[in-house]
Amino acid sequence: MPDILPDYDITCGVSDGTFDFDAWIVVFDLPTSVADLPITNDIQVYPNPSKGSFTVESSLLKSACFVTLYAPDGKIVYKEKIAPSNNKYIVNTQHLNAGFYYLVVTDGEQLMRSSIIIE
């Protein structure tokens, strides 16, 4: 899976310009679940609910990217590298059980999240 979290540069020091390398605590506020990722308004998922397949559409779908579906417990139930056509991609979900799923689309730099209900 491509790296979907941002890179961070950390500069450490104190106000007087000295450094104490014996003890540093760095706290990152990173998502701990798919549900914590921000929802993107630049993505359309339809029909929703779906009965076997659905379309993902976004102006950000311009190059190869990954489409991943997660069950609410975080388990990956679908993952595919795609090459979108006309900013759209059709996801076949006939093999999935009915239920709620998180959808994550990423090209390694941008990340889009939405949700889908499979009937």
PDB file of N, CA and C in Angstrom:
ATOM      1  N   MET A   1       0.850  -1.180   0.000  1.00  0.00           N
ATOM      2  CA  MET A   1       0.000   0.000   0.000  1.00  0.00           C
ATOM      3  C   MET A   1       0.885   1.228   0.000  1.00  0.00           C
ATOM      4  N   PRO A   2       0.541   2.228  -0.755  1.00  0.00           N
ATOM      5  CA  PRO A   2       1.359   3.428  -0.763  1.00  0.00           C
ATOM      6  C   PRO A   2       1.282   4.154   0.563  1.00  0.00           C
ATOM      7  N   ASP A   3       2.282   4.976   0.798  1.00  0.00           N
ATOM      8  CA  ASP A   3       2.322   5.772   2.019  1.00  0.00           C
ATOM      9  C   ASP A   3       1.251   6.838   1.936  1.00  0.00           C
ATOM     10  N   ILE A   4       0.263   6.792   2.834  1.00  0.00           N
ATOM     11  CA  ILE A   4      -0.835   7.748   2.781  1.00  0.00           C
ATOM     12  C   ILE A   4      -0.769   8.788   3.883  1.00  0.00           C
ATOM     13  N   LEU A   5       0.237   8.697   4.721  1.00  0.00           N
ATOM     14  CA  LEU A   5       0.373   9.670   5.798  1.00  0.00           C
ATOM     15  C   LEU A   5       1.450  10.675   5.416  1.00  0.00           C
ATOM     16  N   PRO A   6       1.337  11.896   5.884  1.00  0.00           N
ATOM     17  CA  PRO A   6       2.302  12.929   5.503  1.00  0.00           C
ATOM     18  C   PRO A   6       3.662  12.696   6.144  1.00  0.00           C
ATOM     19  N   ASP A   7       4.691  13.273   5.522  1.00  0.00           N
ATOM     20  CA  ASP A   7       6.033  13.275   6.097  1.00  0.00           C
ATOM     21  C   ASP A   7       6.144  14.474   7.029  1.00  0.00           C
ATOM     22  N   TYR A   8       6.943  14.314   8.092  1.00  0.00           N
ATOM     23  CA  TYR A   8       7.124  15.393   9.042  1.00  0.00           C
ATOM     24  C   TYR A   8       8.604  15.677   9.211  1.00  0.00           C
ATOM     25  N   ASP A   9       8.951  16.955   9.321  1.00  0.00           N
ATOM     26  CA  ASP A   9      10.296  17.379   9.693  1.00  0.00           C
ATOM     27  C   ASP A   9      10.205  17.898  11.108  1.00  0.00           C
ATOM     28  N   ILE A  10      11.149  17.447  11.957  1.00  0.00           N
ATOM     29  CA  ILE A  10      11.115  17.848  13.354  1.00  0.00           C
ATOM     30  C   ILE A  10      12.409  18.590  13.668  1.00  0.00           C
ATOM     31  N   THR A  11      12.267  19.771  14.253  1.00  0.00           N
ATOM     32  CA  THR A  11      13.403  20.540  14.726  1.00  0.00           C
ATOM     33  C   THR A  11      13.260  20.654  16.236  1.00  0.00           C
ATOM     34  N   CYS A  12      14.303  20.255  16.937  1.00  0.00           N
ATOM     35  CA  CYS A  12      14.242  20.236  18.399  1.00  0.00           C
ATOM     36  C   CYS A  12      15.217  21.254  18.979  1.00  0.00           C
ATOM     37  N   GLY A  13      14.835  21.867  20.038  1.00  0.00           N
ATOM     38  CA  GLY A  13      15.689  22.819  20.724  1.00  0.00           C
ATOM     39  C   GLY A  13      14.907  23.515  21.825  1.00  0.00           C
ATOM     40  N   VAL A  14      15.583  24.303  22.579  1.00  0.00           N
ATOM     41  CA  VAL A  14      14.926  25.086  23.619  1.00  0.00           C
ATOM     42  C   VAL A  14      15.161  26.559  23.317  1.00  0.00           C
ATOM     43  N   SER A  15      14.494  27.413  24.045  1.00  0.00           N
ATOM     44  CA  SER A  15      14.514  28.839  23.721  1.00  0.00           C
ATOM     45  C   SER A  15      15.901  29.471  23.800  1.00  0.00           C
ATOM     46  N   ASP A  16      16.799  28.900  24.607  1.00  0.00           N
ATOM     47  CA  ASP A  16      18.132  29.505  24.706  1.00  0.00           C
ATOM     48  C   ASP A  16      19.098  28.945  23.663  1.00  0.00           C
ATOM     49  N   GLY A  17      18.586  28.099  22.726  1.00  0.00           N
ATOM     50  CA  GLY A  17      19.421  27.580  21.652  1.00  0.00           C
ATOM     51  C   GLY A  17      20.200  26.326  21.994  1.00  0.00           C
ATOM     52  N   THR A  18      20.096  25.844  23.234  1.00  0.00           N
ATOM     53  CA  THR A  18      20.812  24.632  23.608  1.00  0.00           C
ATOM     54  C   THR A  18      19.959  23.409  23.311  1.00  0.00           C
ATOM     55  N   PHE A  19      20.579  22.254  23.299  1.00  0.00           N
ATOM     56  CA  PHE A  19      19.880  21.002  23.037  1.00  0.00           C
ATOM     57  C   PHE A  19      20.148  20.020  24.158  1.00  0.00           C
ATOM     58  N   ASP A  20      19.152  19.251  24.509  1.00  0.00           N
ATOM     59  CA  ASP A  20      19.298  18.180  25.488  1.00  0.00           C
ATOM     60  C   ASP A  20      18.771  16.920  24.822  1.00  0.00           C
ATOM     61  N   PHE A  21      19.683  16.068  24.360  1.00  0.00           N
ATOM     62  CA  PHE A  21      19.292  14.876  23.614  1.00  0.00           C
ATOM     63  C   PHE A  21      19.005  13.679  24.507  1.00  0.00           C
ATOM     64  N   ASP A  22      19.025  13.851  25.823  1.00  0.00           N
ATOM     65  CA  ASP A  22      18.788  12.730  26.716  1.00  0.00           C
ATOM     66  C   ASP A  22      17.328  12.289  26.722  1.00  0.00           C
ATOM     67  N   ALA A  23      16.414  13.217  26.548  1.00  0.00           N
ATOM     68  CA  ALA A  23      15.004  12.834  26.631  1.00  0.00           C
ATOM     69  C   ALA A  23      14.161  13.752  25.763  1.00  0.00           C
ATOM     70  N   TRP A  24      13.562  13.166  24.752  1.00  0.00           N
ATOM     71  CA  TRP A  24      12.630  13.897  23.896  1.00  0.00           C
ATOM     72  C   TRP A  24      11.356  13.082  23.801  1.00  0.00           C
ATOM     73  N   ILE A  25      10.262  13.749  23.887  1.00  0.00           N
ATOM     74  CA  ILE A  25       8.972  13.107  23.657  1.00  0.00           C
ATOM     75  C   ILE A  25       8.351  13.808  22.451  1.00  0.00           C
ATOM     76  N   VAL A  26       8.062  13.022  21.432  1.00  0.00           N
ATOM     77  CA  VAL A  26       7.436  13.569  20.232  1.00  0.00           C
ATOM     78  C   VAL A  26       6.058  12.947  20.129  1.00  0.00           C
ATOM     79  N   VAL A  27       5.054  13.783  20.026  1.00  0.00           N
ATOM     80  CA  VAL A  27       3.683  13.305  19.941  1.00  0.00           C
ATOM     81  C   VAL A  27       3.130  13.644  18.567  1.00  0.00           C
ATOM     82  N   PHE A  28       2.633  12.617  17.883  1.00  0.00           N
ATOM     83  CA  PHE A  28       1.993  12.797  16.588  1.00  0.00           C
ATOM     84  C   PHE A  28       0.510  12.522  16.740  1.00  0.00           C
ATOM     85  N   ASP A  29      -0.287  13.377  16.193  1.00  0.00           N
ATOM     86  CA  ASP A  29      -1.728  13.173  16.195  1.00  0.00           C
ATOM     87  C   ASP A  29      -2.107  12.581  14.840  1.00  0.00           C
ATOM     88  N   LEU A  30      -1.909  11.275  14.691  1.00  0.00           N
ATOM     89  CA  LEU A  30      -2.175  10.578  13.441  1.00  0.00           C
ATOM     90  C   LEU A  30      -3.451   9.764  13.563  1.00  0.00           C
ATOM     91  N   PRO A  31      -4.110   9.534  12.444  1.00  0.00           N
ATOM     92  CA  PRO A  31      -5.307   8.693  12.489  1.00  0.00           C
ATOM     93  C   PRO A  31      -4.964   7.286  12.962  1.00  0.00           C
ATOM     94  N   THR A  32      -5.823   6.723  13.778  1.00  0.00           N
ATOM     95  CA  THR A  32      -5.600   5.359  14.254  1.00  0.00           C
ATOM     96  C   THR A  32      -6.570   4.370  13.627  1.00  0.00           C
ATOM     97  N   SER A  33      -7.504   4.880  12.841  1.00  0.00           N
ATOM     98  CA  SER A  33      -8.422   4.000  12.120  1.00  0.00           C
ATOM     99  C   SER A  33      -8.876   4.707  10.854  1.00  0.00           C
ATOM    100  N   VAL A  34      -9.449   3.941   9.947  1.00  0.00           N
ATOM    101  CA  VAL A  34      -9.955   4.519   8.710  1.00  0.00           C
ATOM    102  C   VAL A  34     -11.006   5.579   9.016  1.00  0.00           C
ATOM    103  N   ALA A  35     -11.821   5.351  10.035  1.00  0.00           N
ATOM    104  CA  ALA A  35     -12.872   6.301  10.388  1.00  0.00           C
ATOM    105  C   ALA A  35     -12.309   7.655  10.809  1.00  0.00           C
ATOM    106  N   ASP A  36     -11.041   7.696  11.250  1.00  0.00           N
ATOM    107  CA  ASP A  36     -10.416   8.945  11.675  1.00  0.00           C
ATOM    108  C   ASP A  36      -9.879   9.775  10.514  1.00  0.00           C
ATOM    109  N   LEU A  37      -9.768   9.176   9.317  1.00  0.00           N
ATOM    110  CA  LEU A  37      -9.290   9.921   8.165  1.00  0.00           C
ATOM    111  C   LEU A  37     -10.345  10.938   7.749  1.00  0.00           C
ATOM    112  N   PRO A  38      -9.916  12.098   7.278  1.00  0.00           N
ATOM    113  CA  PRO A  38     -10.905  13.109   6.900  1.00  0.00           C
ATOM    114  C   PRO A  38     -11.725  12.676   5.690  1.00  0.00           C
ATOM    115  N   ILE A  39     -12.992  13.024   5.680  1.00  0.00           N
ATOM    116  CA  ILE A  39     -13.842  12.762   4.532  1.00  0.00           C
ATOM    117  C   ILE A  39     -13.586  13.850   3.500  1.00  0.00           C
ATOM    118  N   THR A  40     -13.461  13.446   2.249  1.00  0.00           N
ATOM    119  CA  THR A  40     -13.156  14.369   1.176  1.00  0.00           C
ATOM    120  C   THR A  40     -14.419  14.698   0.396  1.00  0.00           C
ATOM    121  N   ASN A  41     -14.657  15.955   0.151  1.00  0.00           N
ATOM    122  CA  ASN A  41     -15.815  16.361  -0.635  1.00  0.00           C
ATOM    123  C   ASN A  41     -15.581  16.214  -2.132  1.00  0.00           C
ATOM    124  N   ASP A  42     -14.342  15.944  -2.537  1.00  0.00           N
ATOM    125  CA  ASP A  42     -13.997  15.849  -3.952  1.00  0.00           C
ATOM    126  C   ASP A  42     -14.254  14.473  -4.536  1.00  0.00           C
ATOM    127  N   ILE A  43     -14.992  13.631  -3.857  1.00  0.00           N
ATOM    128  CA  ILE A  43     -15.233  12.277  -4.341  1.00  0.00           C
ATOM    129  C   ILE A  43     -16.735  11.988  -4.312  1.00  0.00           C
ATOM    130  N   GLN A  44     -17.228  11.393  -5.388  1.00  0.00           N
ATOM    131  CA  GLN A  44     -18.615  10.967  -5.446  1.00  0.00           C
ATOM    132  C   GLN A  44     -18.635   9.448  -5.565  1.00  0.00           C
ATOM    133  N   VAL A  45     -19.519   8.822  -4.826  1.00  0.00           N
ATOM    134  CA  VAL A  45     -19.677   7.371  -4.825  1.00  0.00           C
ATOM    135  C   VAL A  45     -21.153   7.100  -5.084  1.00  0.00           C
ATOM    136  N   TYR A  46     -21.449   6.397  -6.177  1.00  0.00           N
ATOM    137  CA  TYR A  46     -22.852   6.155  -6.524  1.00  0.00           C
ATOM    138  C   TYR A  46     -22.999   4.862  -7.322  1.00  0.00           C
ATOM    139  N   PRO A  47     -24.112   4.183  -7.268  1.00  0.00           N
ATOM    140  CA  PRO A  47     -25.208   4.444  -6.330  1.00  0.00           C
ATOM    141  C   PRO A  47     -24.797   4.049  -4.918  1.00  0.00           C
ATOM    142  N   ASN A  48     -25.376   4.689  -3.963  1.00  0.00           N
ATOM    143  CA  ASN A  48     -25.085   4.400  -2.570  1.00  0.00           C
ATOM    144  C   ASN A  48     -26.390   4.496  -1.780  1.00  0.00           C
ATOM    145  N   PRO A  49     -26.960   3.357  -1.402  1.00  0.00           N
ATOM    146  CA  PRO A  49     -26.415   2.000  -1.345  1.00  0.00           C
ATOM    147  C   PRO A  49     -26.240   1.363  -2.730  1.00  0.00           C
ATOM    148  N   SER A  50     -25.369   0.352  -2.749  1.00  0.00           N
ATOM    149  CA  SER A  50     -25.007  -0.348  -3.982  1.00  0.00           C
ATOM    150  C   SER A  50     -25.483  -1.791  -3.928  1.00  0.00           C
ATOM    151  N   LYS A  51     -25.749  -2.342  -5.102  1.00  0.00           N
ATOM    152  CA  LYS A  51     -26.184  -3.747  -5.186  1.00  0.00           C
ATOM    153  C   LYS A  51     -25.282  -4.527  -6.129  1.00  0.00           C
ATOM    154  N   GLY A  52     -24.004  -4.469  -5.977  1.00  0.00           N
ATOM    155  CA  GLY A  52     -23.117  -5.275  -6.804  1.00  0.00           C
ATOM    156  C   GLY A  52     -21.956  -4.518  -7.400  1.00  0.00           C
ATOM    157  N   SER A  53     -22.132  -3.245  -7.697  1.00  0.00           N
ATOM    158  CA  SER A  53     -21.026  -2.421  -8.168  1.00  0.00           C
ATOM    159  C   SER A  53     -21.380  -0.959  -7.920  1.00  0.00           C
ATOM    160  N   PHE A  54     -20.352  -0.130  -7.850  1.00  0.00           N
ATOM    161  CA  PHE A  54     -20.576   1.300  -7.695  1.00  0.00           C
ATOM    162  C   PHE A  54     -19.477   2.052  -8.412  1.00  0.00           C
ATOM    163  N   THR A  55     -19.742   3.305  -8.686  1.00  0.00           N
ATOM    164  CA  THR A  55     -18.795   4.165  -9.391  1.00  0.00           C
ATOM    165  C   THR A  55     -18.156   5.134  -8.403  1.00  0.00           C
ATOM    166  N   VAL A  56     -16.849   5.281  -8.535  1.00  0.00           N
ATOM    167  CA  VAL A  56     -16.097   6.289  -7.792  1.00  0.00           C
ATOM    168  C   VAL A  56     -15.723   7.349  -8.807  1.00  0.00           C
ATOM    169  N   GLU A  57     -16.063   8.600  -8.520  1.00  0.00           N
ATOM    170  CA  GLU A  57     -15.782   9.682  -9.456  1.00  0.00           C
ATOM    171  C   GLU A  57     -15.158  10.848  -8.705  1.00  0.00           C
ATOM    172  N   SER A  58     -14.084  11.404  -9.279  1.00  0.00           N
ATOM    173  CA  SER A  58     -13.422  12.553  -8.674  1.00  0.00           C
ATOM    174  C   SER A  58     -12.521  13.216  -9.696  1.00  0.00           C
ATOM    175  N   SER A  59     -12.432  14.517  -9.611  1.00  0.00           N
ATOM    176  CA  SER A  59     -11.490  15.235 -10.477  1.00  0.00           C
ATOM    177  C   SER A  59     -10.048  14.909 -10.117  1.00  0.00           C
ATOM    178  N   LEU A  60      -9.840  14.346  -8.928  1.00  0.00           N
ATOM    179  CA  LEU A  60      -8.494  13.965  -8.497  1.00  0.00           C
ATOM    180  C   LEU A  60      -8.050  12.620  -9.072  1.00  0.00           C
ATOM    181  N   LEU A  61      -8.982  11.874  -9.676  1.00  0.00           N
ATOM    182  CA  LEU A  61      -8.650  10.568 -10.265  1.00  0.00           C
ATOM    183  C   LEU A  61      -8.094  10.778 -11.666  1.00  0.00           C
ATOM    184  N   LYS A  62      -6.815  11.116 -11.726  1.00  0.00           N
ATOM    185  CA  LYS A  62      -6.191  11.406 -13.014  1.00  0.00           C
ATOM    186  C   LYS A  62      -5.107  10.408 -13.382  1.00  0.00           C
ATOM    187  N   SER A  63      -4.602   9.689 -12.406  1.00  0.00           N
ATOM    188  CA  SER A  63      -3.510   8.749 -12.665  1.00  0.00           C
ATOM    189  C   SER A  63      -3.765   7.463 -11.881  1.00  0.00           C
ATOM    190  N   ALA A  64      -2.863   6.524 -12.040  1.00  0.00           N
ATOM    191  CA  ALA A  64      -2.995   5.238 -11.334  1.00  0.00           C
ATOM    192  C   ALA A  64      -3.062   5.486  -9.828  1.00  0.00           C
ATOM    193  N   CYS A  65      -3.942   4.758  -9.178  1.00  0.00           N
ATOM    194  CA  CYS A  65      -4.088   4.880  -7.740  1.00  0.00           C
ATOM    195  C   CYS A  65      -4.638   3.577  -7.169  1.00  0.00           C
ATOM    196  N   PHE A  66      -4.778   3.535  -5.864  1.00  0.00           N
ATOM    197  CA  PHE A  66      -5.302   2.364  -5.175  1.00  0.00           C
ATOM    198  C   PHE A  66      -6.693   2.673  -4.635  1.00  0.00           C
ATOM    199  N   VAL A  67      -7.603   1.707  -4.813  1.00  0.00           N
ATOM    200  CA  VAL A  67      -8.931   1.766  -4.204  1.00  0.00           C
ATOM    201  C   VAL A  67      -8.967   0.663  -3.163  1.00  0.00           C
ATOM    202  N   THR A  68      -9.311   1.009  -1.940  1.00  0.00           N
ATOM    203  CA  THR A  68      -9.357   0.038  -0.853  1.00  0.00           C
ATOM    204  C   THR A  68     -10.682   0.181  -0.123  1.00  0.00           C
ATOM    205  N   LEU A  69     -11.328  -0.955   0.148  1.00  0.00           N
ATOM    206  CA  LEU A  69     -12.532  -0.982   0.970  1.00  0.00           C
ATOM    207  C   LEU A  69     -12.190  -1.646   2.292  1.00  0.00           C
ATOM    208  N   TYR A  70     -12.602  -1.022   3.382  1.00  0.00           N
ATOM    209  CA  TYR A  70     -12.368  -1.534   4.724  1.00  0.00           C
ATOM    210  C   TYR A  70     -13.704  -1.839   5.383  1.00  0.00           C
ATOM    211  N   ALA A  71     -13.768  -2.967   6.071  1.00  0.00           N
ATOM    212  CA  ALA A  71     -14.912  -3.267   6.933  1.00  0.00           C
ATOM    213  C   ALA A  71     -14.809  -2.351   8.158  1.00  0.00           C
ATOM    214  N   PRO A  72     -15.894  -2.174   8.899  1.00  0.00           N
ATOM    215  CA  PRO A  72     -15.838  -1.299  10.077  1.00  0.00           C
ATOM    216  C   PRO A  72     -14.778  -1.700  11.106  1.00  0.00           C
ATOM    217  N   ASP A  73     -14.375  -2.981  11.133  1.00  0.00           N
ATOM    218  CA  ASP A  73     -13.335  -3.417  12.076  1.00  0.00           C
ATOM    219  C   ASP A  73     -11.927  -3.142  11.557  1.00  0.00           C
ATOM    220  N   GLY A  74     -11.798  -2.522  10.379  1.00  0.00           N
ATOM    221  CA  GLY A  74     -10.491  -2.179   9.825  1.00  0.00           C
ATOM    222  C   GLY A  74      -9.918  -3.210   8.884  1.00  0.00           C
ATOM    223  N   LYS A  75     -10.571  -4.332   8.717  1.00  0.00           N
ATOM    224  CA  LYS A  75     -10.088  -5.378   7.824  1.00  0.00           C
ATOM    225  C   LYS A  75     -10.251  -4.936   6.371  1.00  0.00           C
ATOM    226  N   ILE A  76      -9.194  -5.128   5.575  1.00  0.00           N
ATOM    227  CA  ILE A  76      -9.268  -4.823   4.150  1.00  0.00           C
ATOM    228  C   ILE A  76     -10.051  -5.935   3.462  1.00  0.00           C
ATOM    229  N   VAL A  77     -11.130  -5.561   2.764  1.00  0.00           N
ATOM    230  CA  VAL A  77     -11.966  -6.548   2.071  1.00  0.00           C
ATOM    231  C   VAL A  77     -11.849  -6.436   0.559  1.00  0.00           C
ATOM    232  N   TYR A  78     -11.252  -5.351   0.091  1.00  0.00           N
ATOM    233  CA  TYR A  78     -11.071  -5.141  -1.347  1.00  0.00           C
ATOM    234  C   TYR A  78      -9.928  -4.168  -1.529  1.00  0.00           C
ATOM    235  N   LYS A  79      -9.007  -4.489  -2.440  1.00  0.00           N
ATOM    236  CA  LYS A  79      -7.914  -3.570  -2.745  1.00  0.00           C
ATOM    237  C   LYS A  79      -7.489  -3.811  -4.179  1.00  0.00           C
ATOM    238  N   GLU A  80      -7.400  -2.726  -4.924  1.00  0.00           N
ATOM    239  CA  GLU A  80      -7.026  -2.863  -6.323  1.00  0.00           C
ATOM    240  C   GLU A  80      -6.299  -1.614  -6.798  1.00  0.00           C
ATOM    241  N   LYS A  81      -5.238  -1.826  -7.571  1.00  0.00           N
ATOM    242  CA  LYS A  81      -4.579  -0.707  -8.238  1.00  0.00           C
ATOM    243  C   LYS A  81      -5.381  -0.442  -9.500  1.00  0.00           C
ATOM    244  N   ILE A  82      -5.764   0.812  -9.691  1.00  0.00           N
ATOM    245  CA  ILE A  82      -6.642   1.138 -10.807  1.00  0.00           C
ATOM    246  C   ILE A  82      -6.016   2.178 -11.724  1.00  0.00           C
ATOM    247  N   ALA A  83      -6.525   2.215 -12.930  1.00  0.00           N
ATOM    248  CA  ALA A  83      -6.204   3.263 -13.891  1.00  0.00           C
ATOM    249  C   ALA A  83      -7.530   3.897 -14.285  1.00  0.00           C
ATOM    250  N   PRO A  84      -7.906   4.995 -13.658  1.00  0.00           N
ATOM    251  CA  PRO A  84      -9.217   5.592 -13.902  1.00  0.00           C
ATOM    252  C   PRO A  84      -9.379   6.040 -15.357  1.00  0.00           C
ATOM    253  N   SER A  85     -10.618   6.040 -15.815  1.00  0.00           N
ATOM    254  CA  SER A  85     -10.958   6.517 -17.139  1.00  0.00           C
ATOM    255  C   SER A  85     -11.969   7.648 -16.979  1.00  0.00           C
ATOM    256  N   ASN A  86     -11.664   8.816 -17.529  1.00  0.00           N
ATOM    257  CA  ASN A  86     -12.549   9.980 -17.418  1.00  0.00           C
ATOM    258  C   ASN A  86     -12.879  10.326 -15.965  1.00  0.00           C
ATOM    259  N   ASN A  87     -11.879  10.213 -15.092  1.00  0.00           N
ATOM    260  CA  ASN A  87     -12.035  10.533 -13.664  1.00  0.00           C
ATOM    261  C   ASN A  87     -13.043   9.635 -12.960  1.00  0.00           C
ATOM    262  N   LYS A  88     -13.264   8.429 -13.506  1.00  0.00           N
ATOM    263  CA  LYS A  88     -14.228   7.492 -12.923  1.00  0.00           C
ATOM    264  C   LYS A  88     -13.613   6.102 -12.857  1.00  0.00           C
ATOM    265  N   TYR A  89     -14.125   5.317 -11.915  1.00  0.00           N
ATOM    266  CA  TYR A  89     -13.754   3.904 -11.835  1.00  0.00           C
ATOM    267  C   TYR A  89     -14.934   3.135 -11.251  1.00  0.00           C
ATOM    268  N   ILE A  90     -15.243   1.971 -11.837  1.00  0.00           N
ATOM    269  CA  ILE A  90     -16.335   1.129 -11.348  1.00  0.00           C
ATOM    270  C   ILE A  90     -15.745   0.017 -10.491  1.00  0.00           C
ATOM    271  N   VAL A  91     -16.243  -0.097  -9.267  1.00  0.00           N
ATOM    272  CA  VAL A  91     -15.790  -1.108  -8.321  1.00  0.00           C
ATOM    273  C   VAL A  91     -16.842  -2.218  -8.268  1.00  0.00           C
ATOM    274  N   ASN A  92     -16.417  -3.449  -8.522  1.00  0.00           N
ATOM    275  CA  ASN A  92     -17.309  -4.611  -8.461  1.00  0.00           C
ATOM    276  C   ASN A  92     -17.300  -5.152  -7.037  1.00  0.00           C
ATOM    277  N   THR A  93     -18.474  -5.173  -6.413  1.00  0.00           N
ATOM    278  CA  THR A  93     -18.565  -5.608  -5.014  1.00  0.00           C
ATOM    279  C   THR A  93     -19.481  -6.819  -4.851  1.00  0.00           C
ATOM    280  N   GLN A  94     -19.708  -7.570  -5.922  1.00  0.00           N
ATOM    281  CA  GLN A  94     -20.617  -8.712  -5.847  1.00  0.00           C
ATOM    282  C   GLN A  94     -20.144  -9.768  -4.855  1.00  0.00           C
ATOM    283  N   HIS A  95     -18.859  -9.837  -4.588  1.00  0.00           N
ATOM    284  CA  HIS A  95     -18.306 -10.838  -3.666  1.00  0.00           C
ATOM    285  C   HIS A  95     -18.399 -10.415  -2.195  1.00  0.00           C
ATOM    286  N   LEU A  96     -18.823  -9.189  -1.927  1.00  0.00           N
ATOM    287  CA  LEU A  96     -18.856  -8.692  -0.545  1.00  0.00           C
ATOM    288  C   LEU A  96     -20.210  -8.947   0.104  1.00  0.00           C
ATOM    289  N   ASN A  97     -20.176  -9.156   1.407  1.00  0.00           N
ATOM    290  CA  ASN A  97     -21.409  -9.282   2.190  1.00  0.00           C
ATOM    291  C   ASN A  97     -22.069  -7.918   2.304  1.00  0.00           C
ATOM    292  N   ALA A  98     -23.371  -7.929   2.503  1.00  0.00           N
ATOM    293  CA  ALA A  98     -24.093  -6.685   2.732  1.00  0.00           C
ATOM    294  C   ALA A  98     -23.537  -6.010   3.981  1.00  0.00           C
ATOM    295  N   GLY A  99     -23.454  -4.687   3.945  1.00  0.00           N
ATOM    296  CA  GLY A  99     -22.975  -3.962   5.110  1.00  0.00           C
ATOM    297  C   GLY A  99     -22.383  -2.617   4.756  1.00  0.00           C
ATOM    298  N   PHE A 100     -21.795  -1.980   5.749  1.00  0.00           N
ATOM    299  CA  PHE A 100     -21.179  -0.660   5.649  1.00  0.00           C
ATOM    300  C   PHE A 100     -19.679  -0.835   5.449  1.00  0.00           C
ATOM    301  N   TYR A 101     -19.086  -0.064   4.550  1.00  0.00           N
ATOM    302  CA  TYR A 101     -17.657  -0.135   4.269  1.00  0.00           C
ATOM    303  C   TYR A 101     -17.092   1.274   4.118  1.00  0.00           C
ATOM    304  N   TYR A 102     -15.826   1.425   4.520  1.00  0.00           N
ATOM    305  CA  TYR A 102     -15.091   2.659   4.271  1.00  0.00           C
ATOM    306  C   TYR A 102     -14.355   2.510   2.954  1.00  0.00           C
ATOM    307  N   LEU A 103     -14.362   3.561   2.153  1.00  0.00           N
ATOM    308  CA  LEU A 103     -13.667   3.594   0.870  1.00  0.00           C
ATOM    309  C   LEU A 103     -12.511   4.577   0.978  1.00  0.00           C
ATOM    310  N   VAL A 104     -11.317   4.125   0.614  1.00  0.00           N
ATOM    311  CA  VAL A 104     -10.140   4.992   0.599  1.00  0.00           C
ATOM    312  C   VAL A 104      -9.515   4.900  -0.780  1.00  0.00           C
ATOM    313  N   VAL A 105      -9.288   6.055  -1.395  1.00  0.00           N
ATOM    314  CA  VAL A 105      -8.631   6.130  -2.700  1.00  0.00           C
ATOM    315  C   VAL A 105      -7.390   6.993  -2.511  1.00  0.00           C
ATOM    316  N   THR A 106      -6.237   6.477  -2.959  1.00  0.00           N
ATOM    317  CA  THR A 106      -5.003   7.245  -2.816  1.00  0.00           C
ATOM    318  C   THR A 106      -4.091   7.022  -4.010  1.00  0.00           C
ATOM    319  N   ASP A 107      -3.359   8.055  -4.364  1.00  0.00           N
ATOM    320  CA  ASP A 107      -2.327   7.942  -5.394  1.00  0.00           C
ATOM    321  C   ASP A 107      -0.939   8.023  -4.760  1.00  0.00           C
ATOM    322  N   GLY A 108      -0.869   7.922  -3.457  1.00  0.00           N
ATOM    323  CA  GLY A 108       0.396   8.006  -2.744  1.00  0.00           C
ATOM    324  C   GLY A 108       0.686   9.404  -2.234  1.00  0.00           C
ATOM    325  N   GLU A 109       0.022  10.410  -2.796  1.00  0.00           N
ATOM    326  CA  GLU A 109       0.197  11.784  -2.352  1.00  0.00           C
ATOM    327  C   GLU A 109      -1.096  12.359  -1.788  1.00  0.00           C
ATOM    328  N   GLN A 110      -2.187  12.080  -2.465  1.00  0.00           N
ATOM    329  CA  GLN A 110      -3.492  12.558  -2.008  1.00  0.00           C
ATOM    330  C   GLN A 110      -4.296  11.366  -1.511  1.00  0.00           C
ATOM    331  N   LEU A 111      -5.183  11.642  -0.586  1.00  0.00           N
ATOM    332  CA  LEU A 111      -6.030  10.597  -0.033  1.00  0.00           C
ATOM    333  C   LEU A 111      -7.462  11.095  -0.020  1.00  0.00           C
ATOM    334  N   MET A 112      -8.377  10.249  -0.470  1.00  0.00           N
ATOM    335  CA  MET A 112      -9.802  10.560  -0.439  1.00  0.00           C
ATOM    336  C   MET A 112     -10.502   9.461   0.329  1.00  0.00           C
ATOM    337  N   ARG A 113     -11.452   9.833   1.184  1.00  0.00           N
ATOM    338  CA  ARG A 113     -12.205   8.834   1.942  1.00  0.00           C
ATOM    339  C   ARG A 113     -13.685   9.117   1.807  1.00  0.00           C
ATOM    340  N   SER A 114     -14.427   8.035   1.710  1.00  0.00           N
ATOM    341  CA  SER A 114     -15.878   8.100   1.699  1.00  0.00           C
ATOM    342  C   SER A 114     -16.386   6.809   2.325  1.00  0.00           C
ATOM    343  N   SER A 115     -17.665   6.553   2.186  1.00  0.00           N
ATOM    344  CA  SER A 115     -18.216   5.303   2.687  1.00  0.00           C
ATOM    345  C   SER A 115     -19.241   4.793   1.680  1.00  0.00           C
ATOM    346  N   ILE A 116     -19.533   3.499   1.783  1.00  0.00           N
ATOM    347  CA  ILE A 116     -20.475   2.866   0.868  1.00  0.00           C
ATOM    348  C   ILE A 116     -21.266   1.809   1.650  1.00  0.00           C
ATOM    349  N   ILE A 117     -22.533   1.692   1.312  1.00  0.00           N
ATOM    350  CA  ILE A 117     -23.360   0.627   1.877  1.00  0.00           C
ATOM    351  C   ILE A 117     -23.628  -0.379   0.754  1.00  0.00           C
ATOM    352  N   ILE A 118     -23.334  -1.638   1.018  1.00  0.00           N
ATOM    353  CA  ILE A 118     -23.594  -2.718   0.067  1.00  0.00           C
ATOM    354  C   ILE A 118     -24.854  -3.435   0.542  1.00  0.00           C
ATOM    355  N   GLU A 119     -25.823  -3.559  -0.352  1.00  0.00           N
ATOM    356  CA  GLU A 119     -27.065  -4.255  -0.001  1.00  0.00           C
ATOM    357  C   GLU A 119     -27.018  -5.704  -0.465  1.00  0.00           C
TER     358      GLU A 119
END
